[in-house]
Protein backbone atom coordinates (compact mmCIF):
# COMPACT_ATOMS: atom_id res chain seq x y z
CA MET A 1 -22.49 4.13 -9.40
CA GLU A 2 -21.02 0.29 -8.12
CA GLU A 3 -20.30 -0.66 -11.68
CA GLU A 4 -17.27 2.41 -11.97
CA VAL A 5 -16.11 1.65 -9.44
CA VAL A 6 -15.62 -2.08 -9.93
CA ASN A 7 -14.17 -0.80 -13.30
CA ALA A 8 -11.53 1.29 -11.88
CA LEU A 9 -10.22 -0.90 -8.80
CA LYS A 10 -10.00 -4.07 -11.89
CA LYS A 11 -8.00 -1.33 -13.81
CA CYS A 12 -5.65 -0.67 -10.48
CA ALA A 13 -5.47 -4.67 -10.38
CA VAL A 14 -3.70 -5.20 -13.79
CA GLY A 15 -2.40 -2.23 -14.21
CA PHE A 16 -2.59 0.68 -17.40
CA GLY A 17 -0.76 3.40 -18.30
CA THR A 18 -1.19 7.16 -18.19
CA SER A 19 0.14 10.58 -19.73
CA GLU A 20 0.37 14.41 -18.01
CA VAL A 21 0.93 17.04 -19.73
CA VAL A 22 2.38 20.53 -18.30
CA GLU A 23 1.86 23.60 -20.32
CA GLU A 24 3.55 26.80 -19.69
CA PHE A 25 1.85 30.12 -21.28
CA GLY A 26 3.60 33.39 -21.60
CA VAL A 27 1.83 36.85 -22.59
CA GLN A 28 3.26 37.95 -26.08
CA ASP A 29 1.36 41.34 -27.18
CA GLY A 30 -1.27 40.63 -24.84
CA GLU A 31 -2.41 37.36 -25.86
CA LEU A 32 -1.59 33.83 -23.90
CA VAL A 33 1.13 31.93 -26.06
CA LEU A 34 1.73 28.38 -25.12
CA VAL A 35 5.93 28.56 -24.13
CA LYS A 36 5.95 25.11 -23.35
CA LYS A 37 4.80 21.63 -23.25
CA LYS A 38 5.90 18.72 -21.58
CA VAL A 39 4.32 15.53 -22.08
CA THR A 40 4.97 12.52 -19.23
CA LYS A 41 3.87 9.01 -20.01
CA ARG A 42 4.50 6.26 -17.18
CA ASP A 43 3.04 3.09 -16.70
CA ILE A 44 1.45 2.36 -12.96
CA PRO A 45 2.37 -0.87 -12.40
CA PRO A 46 -0.61 -3.32 -10.38
CA ASP A 47 -1.34 -2.55 -7.32
CA ILE A 48 -1.73 -5.93 -5.17
CA LYS A 49 -4.11 -4.36 -2.52
CA ALA A 50 -7.21 -3.93 -5.42
CA VAL A 51 -6.45 -7.56 -6.44
CA LYS A 52 -7.22 -8.61 -3.27
CA MET A 53 -10.29 -7.04 -2.62
CA LEU A 54 -11.53 -8.22 -6.45
CA MET A 55 -10.01 -11.65 -5.19
CA GLU A 56 -12.81 -11.51 -1.74
CA GLU A 57 -15.88 -9.88 -3.77
CA SER A 58 -15.62 -12.73 -5.99
CA ASP A 59 -15.67 -16.81 -6.00
CA CYS A 60 -12.06 -16.96 -5.84
CA GLY A 61 -11.72 -16.58 -2.26
CA GLY A 62 -12.23 -19.98 -1.45
CA LEU A 63 -9.63 -21.44 -3.66
CA SER A 64 -7.06 -23.45 -2.79
CA ASP A 65 -3.10 -22.44 -3.42
CA GLU A 66 -3.34 -25.09 -6.40
CA GLN A 67 -6.59 -23.98 -8.08
CA LEU A 68 -5.38 -20.14 -7.69
CA GLU A 69 -2.16 -21.32 -9.65
CA GLU A 70 -4.47 -22.89 -12.36
CA GLU A 71 -6.34 -20.21 -12.58
CA ARG A 72 -3.06 -18.10 -13.21
CA GLN A 73 -1.69 -19.83 -16.06
CA LYS A 74 -5.19 -20.27 -17.74
CA LEU A 75 -5.20 -16.38 -17.71
CA LEU A 76 -1.93 -15.89 -18.17
CA LYS A 77 -2.41 -18.34 -21.45
CA LEU A 78 -5.30 -16.42 -22.61
CA LEU A 79 -3.33 -13.13 -22.14
CA ASN A 80 -0.68 -14.34 -24.32
CA GLU A 81 -3.29 -15.47 -26.89
CA THR A 82 -4.65 -11.98 -27.56
CA GLU A 83 -1.29 -10.43 -27.90
């Protein structure tokens, strides 16, 4: 259970995309028939509170601003290489 919570927290910390499906049904000849279907896609931006919680749990909490910036640059470089 704890691993699921940490994974969800990480997902919130980096942001994610999601879609929502809304379906409307009507009755036709005694049967339910799909009348309308709407799919909405949206991006959820990163959550700063989730980032702070993760940093408090990791060793990053004791890093200086310069060390954090250096780590940020490393992570951005890794992200750019994987894309």
